[in-house]
Protein backbone atom coordinates (compact mmCIF):
# COMPACT_ATOMS: atom_id res chain seq x y z
CA UNK A 1 5.04 -46.15 -16.65
CA UNK A 2 8.79 -45.85 -17.11
CA UNK A 3 11.24 -45.43 -14.24
CA UNK A 4 12.56 -42.11 -15.53
CA UNK A 5 9.11 -40.55 -15.36
CA UNK A 6 8.66 -41.91 -11.82
CA UNK A 7 12.01 -40.43 -10.85
CA UNK A 8 10.87 -37.03 -12.07
CA UNK A 9 7.61 -37.34 -10.12
CA UNK A 10 9.35 -38.33 -6.90
CA UNK A 11 11.80 -35.46 -7.31
CA UNK A 12 8.89 -33.00 -7.57
CA UNK A 13 9.11 -32.11 -11.27
CA UNK A 14 5.99 -29.92 -11.83
CA UNK A 15 5.79 -30.75 -15.54
CA UNK A 16 5.79 -34.48 -14.79
CA UNK A 17 3.06 -33.96 -12.19
CA UNK A 18 0.95 -32.02 -14.69
CA UNK A 19 1.31 -34.95 -17.08
CA UNK A 20 0.24 -37.31 -14.29
CA UNK A 21 -2.87 -35.28 -13.54
CA UNK A 22 -3.75 -35.13 -17.24
CA UNK A 23 -3.38 -38.90 -17.54
CA UNK A 24 -5.39 -39.88 -14.45
CA UNK A 25 -7.81 -37.02 -13.81
CA UNK A 26 -10.82 -38.40 -15.67
CA UNK A 27 -10.43 -41.86 -14.18
CA UNK A 28 -10.10 -40.46 -10.66
CA UNK A 29 -13.15 -38.24 -11.09
CA UNK A 30 -15.14 -41.21 -12.38
CA UNK A 31 -14.17 -43.36 -9.39
CA UNK A 32 -15.14 -40.58 -6.98
CA UNK A 33 -18.45 -40.14 -8.83
CA UNK A 34 -19.31 -43.82 -8.45
CA UNK A 35 -19.21 -43.54 -4.68
CA UNK A 36 -20.44 -39.99 -4.15
CA UNK A 37 -23.15 -39.79 -6.84
CA UNK A 38 -22.63 -36.04 -7.02
CA UNK A 39 -20.53 -34.39 -9.77
CA UNK A 40 -19.46 -31.40 -7.68
CA UNK A 41 -18.42 -33.59 -4.74
CA UNK A 42 -16.58 -35.88 -7.15
CA UNK A 43 -14.63 -32.97 -8.67
CA UNK A 44 -13.76 -31.57 -5.24
CA UNK A 45 -12.67 -34.97 -3.98
CA UNK A 46 -10.56 -35.59 -7.08
CA UNK A 47 -8.70 -32.37 -6.34
CA UNK A 48 -8.08 -33.61 -2.80
CA UNK A 49 -6.78 -36.87 -4.24
CA UNK A 50 -4.17 -35.14 -6.38
CA UNK A 51 -3.14 -32.89 -3.50
CA UNK A 52 -2.56 -36.03 -1.44
CA UNK A 53 -0.73 -37.69 -4.34
CA UNK A 54 1.57 -34.68 -4.71
CA UNK A 55 2.36 -34.62 -0.99
CA UNK A 56 2.95 -38.36 -0.79
CA UNK A 57 4.94 -38.87 -4.00
CA UNK A 58 8.37 -38.39 -2.33
CA UNK A 59 7.59 -41.40 -0.13
CA UNK A 60 6.00 -43.51 -2.89
CA UNK A 61 7.34 -47.05 -2.84
CA UNK A 62 7.41 -48.73 -6.18
CA UNK A 63 6.14 -52.01 -4.78
CA UNK A 64 2.71 -51.23 -6.28
CA UNK A 65 1.68 -49.79 -9.62
CA UNK A 66 1.36 -46.02 -9.53
CA UNK A 67 -2.17 -46.25 -10.92
CA UNK A 68 -3.23 -48.67 -8.17
CA UNK A 69 -1.78 -46.36 -5.53
CA UNK A 70 -3.68 -43.38 -6.97
CA UNK A 71 -6.96 -45.31 -7.20
CA UNK A 72 -6.55 -46.47 -3.60
CA UNK A 73 -6.29 -42.83 -2.50
CA UNK A 74 -9.34 -41.97 -4.63
CA UNK A 75 -11.43 -44.69 -3.00
CA UNK A 76 -10.26 -43.70 0.49
CA UNK A 77 -10.99 -40.00 -0.04
CA UNK A 78 -14.40 -40.78 -1.55
CA UNK A 79 -15.41 -42.98 1.37
CA UNK A 80 -14.23 -40.37 3.86
CA UNK A 81 -16.38 -37.73 2.21
CA UNK A 82 -19.31 -40.12 1.95
CA UNK A 83 -19.15 -40.88 5.68
CA UNK A 84 -19.07 -37.17 6.50
CA UNK A 85 -22.04 -36.54 4.22
CA UNK A 86 -24.01 -39.39 5.78
CA UNK A 87 -23.33 -38.09 9.27
CA UNK A 88 -24.71 -34.70 8.24
CA UNK A 89 -27.72 -36.03 6.40
CA UNK A 90 -28.39 -39.65 7.32
CA UNK A 91 -31.87 -39.80 5.83
CA UNK A 92 -30.97 -38.33 2.45
CA UNK A 93 -30.26 -41.61 0.62
CA UNK A 94 -28.11 -41.96 -2.44
CA UNK A 95 -29.25 -39.58 -5.16
CA UNK A 96 -29.14 -39.83 -8.92
CA UNK A 97 -29.47 -42.52 -11.51
CA UNK A 98 -26.69 -44.86 -12.45
CA UNK A 99 -23.53 -43.18 -13.70
CA UNK A 100 -21.92 -44.60 -16.80
CA UNK A 101 -23.83 -46.13 -19.67
CA UNK A 102 -24.25 -49.87 -19.58
CA UNK A 103 -22.54 -50.34 -16.23
CA UNK A 104 -25.55 -51.68 -14.39
CA UNK A 105 -26.36 -54.22 -17.11
CA UNK A 106 -23.22 -56.09 -16.12
CA UNK A 107 -24.73 -57.28 -12.84
CA UNK A 108 -25.04 -61.04 -12.87
CA UNK A 109 -28.51 -62.47 -13.57
CA UNK A 110 -30.47 -63.95 -10.72
CA UNK A 111 -33.90 -65.33 -9.96
CA UNK A 112 -36.88 -63.05 -9.28
CA UNK A 113 -35.89 -59.41 -9.56
CA UNK A 114 -33.21 -60.09 -12.18
CA UNK A 115 -30.77 -57.15 -11.83
CA UNK A 116 -30.37 -56.91 -15.63
CA UNK A 117 -34.00 -55.79 -15.83
CA UNK A 118 -33.53 -53.23 -13.07
CA UNK A 119 -31.93 -50.94 -15.66
CA UNK A 120 -35.07 -50.64 -17.81
CA UNK A 121 -36.03 -47.28 -16.37
CA UNK A 122 -34.65 -44.61 -14.08
CA UNK A 123 -36.78 -45.55 -11.11
CA UNK A 124 -35.42 -49.07 -11.06
CA UNK A 125 -31.88 -47.83 -11.63
CA UNK A 126 -32.34 -45.56 -8.62
CA UNK A 127 -33.58 -48.51 -6.56
CA UNK A 128 -30.46 -50.42 -7.55
CA UNK A 129 -28.31 -47.54 -6.30
CA UNK A 130 -30.07 -47.69 -2.92
CA UNK A 131 -29.39 -51.42 -2.80
CA UNK A 132 -25.75 -50.90 -3.76
CA UNK A 133 -25.36 -48.33 -0.98
CA UNK A 134 -26.70 -50.90 1.49
CA UNK A 135 -23.93 -53.42 0.77
CA UNK A 136 -21.07 -53.92 3.24
CA UNK A 137 -18.28 -51.51 2.38
CA UNK A 138 -15.76 -53.96 0.93
CA UNK A 139 -18.41 -55.64 -1.22
CA UNK A 140 -19.52 -52.24 -2.51
CA UNK A 141 -15.95 -51.18 -3.30
CA UNK A 142 -15.08 -54.42 -5.09
CA UNK A 143 -18.33 -54.48 -7.04
CA UNK A 144 -18.14 -50.80 -8.02
CA UNK A 145 -14.52 -50.91 -9.17
CA UNK A 146 -15.18 -54.09 -11.15
CA UNK A 147 -18.54 -53.35 -12.76
CA UNK A 148 -18.38 -49.58 -13.14
CA UNK A 149 -14.70 -48.87 -13.66
CA UNK A 150 -13.59 -52.11 -15.28
CA UNK A 151 -10.64 -52.75 -12.96
CA UNK A 152 -9.26 -56.28 -12.89
CA UNK A 153 -9.44 -58.36 -9.74
CA UNK A 154 -5.69 -58.12 -9.25
CA UNK A 155 -5.82 -54.33 -9.21
CA UNK A 156 -8.87 -54.31 -6.91
CA UNK A 157 -7.04 -56.71 -4.58
CA UNK A 158 -4.09 -54.31 -4.41
CA UNK A 159 -6.41 -51.39 -3.64
CA UNK A 160 -8.17 -53.30 -0.87
CA UNK A 161 -5.02 -54.96 0.42
CA UNK A 162 -6.41 -58.45 -0.04
CA UNK A 163 -6.16 -61.41 -2.44
CA UNK A 164 -7.76 -61.93 -5.83
CA UNK A 165 -9.65 -64.90 -4.37
CA UNK A 166 -11.14 -62.57 -1.75
CA UNK A 167 -12.12 -60.10 -4.46
CA UNK A 168 -13.87 -62.91 -6.37
CA UNK A 169 -15.77 -63.74 -3.20
CA UNK A 170 -16.67 -60.10 -2.49
CA UNK A 171 -18.08 -59.58 -5.98
CA UNK A 172 -19.98 -62.87 -5.86
CA UNK A 173 -21.52 -62.00 -2.48
CA UNK A 174 -22.31 -58.47 -3.66
CA UNK A 175 -24.28 -59.87 -6.60
CA UNK A 176 -26.17 -62.23 -4.32
CA UNK A 177 -26.91 -59.55 -1.74
CA UNK A 178 -28.11 -57.10 -4.39
CA UNK A 179 -30.57 -59.69 -5.69
CA UNK A 180 -31.69 -60.46 -2.14
CA UNK A 181 -32.28 -56.80 -1.23
CA UNK A 182 -34.09 -56.05 -4.49
CA UNK A 183 -36.31 -59.13 -4.36
CA UNK A 184 -37.43 -58.21 -0.85
CA UNK A 185 -37.88 -54.58 -1.81
CA UNK A 186 -40.04 -55.27 -4.85
CA UNK A 187 -42.04 -57.92 -3.00
CA UNK A 188 -42.74 -55.29 -0.39
CA UNK A 189 -43.73 -52.78 -3.08
CA UNK A 190 -46.12 -55.26 -4.70
CA UNK A 191 -47.77 -55.93 -1.34
CA UNK A 192 -48.44 -52.22 -0.95
CA UNK A 193 -45.79 -51.56 1.67
CA UNK A 194 -43.17 -50.05 -0.64
CA UNK A 195 -41.83 -46.52 -0.32
CA UNK A 196 -39.91 -44.19 -2.58
CA UNK A 197 -36.61 -45.23 -1.09
CA UNK A 198 -34.95 -48.43 -0.03
CA UNK A 199 -36.16 -49.42 3.47
CA UNK A 200 -33.33 -49.72 5.98
CA UNK A 201 -34.74 -53.04 7.15
CA UNK A 202 -33.72 -54.62 3.84
CA UNK A 203 -30.10 -53.62 4.33
CA UNK A 204 -30.03 -55.27 7.74
CA UNK A 205 -30.19 -58.71 6.12
CA UNK A 206 -27.03 -58.22 4.04
């Protein structure tokens, strides 16, 4: 993004801001959707993101890429809304099947309960979403931005305020923890103790 366009944004040029929204709106909505699993919430949160972007643009420091800065706000706003939703309805679980075609197939293969096979039907995709929601927050963010949204580790590192090595580690641990949760979950199902949603006890081992 050229410096002249950034100058116009910082100076509050409404036409430049409209161009910015047009360029980033779909990506921001998609990021919000990954975390919130609800299209209406994602749209509402995306609007909040651009309101925050507009307010904060005059103080934007060009030390980071504009896109990275916007995505960081999108992640932050999504997590804020998710926490509020969970406080209101803690037992609801994460609804909906996987968003984005082919995204879940990118999970690294493991032993029993190979995550690639989890995508074979909607029920298993739903189970994977429960497992993903059980991950520690930074692992979930890194994994989601990498596997769903295709962001590079450098960009994810900038969003999280960490190093690319740390992002590598977060994604690696997320893969391992997903396999661990799902193996235990399906073992429990096969023994007759499974339920229609991911037991909280499985998340405690992550």
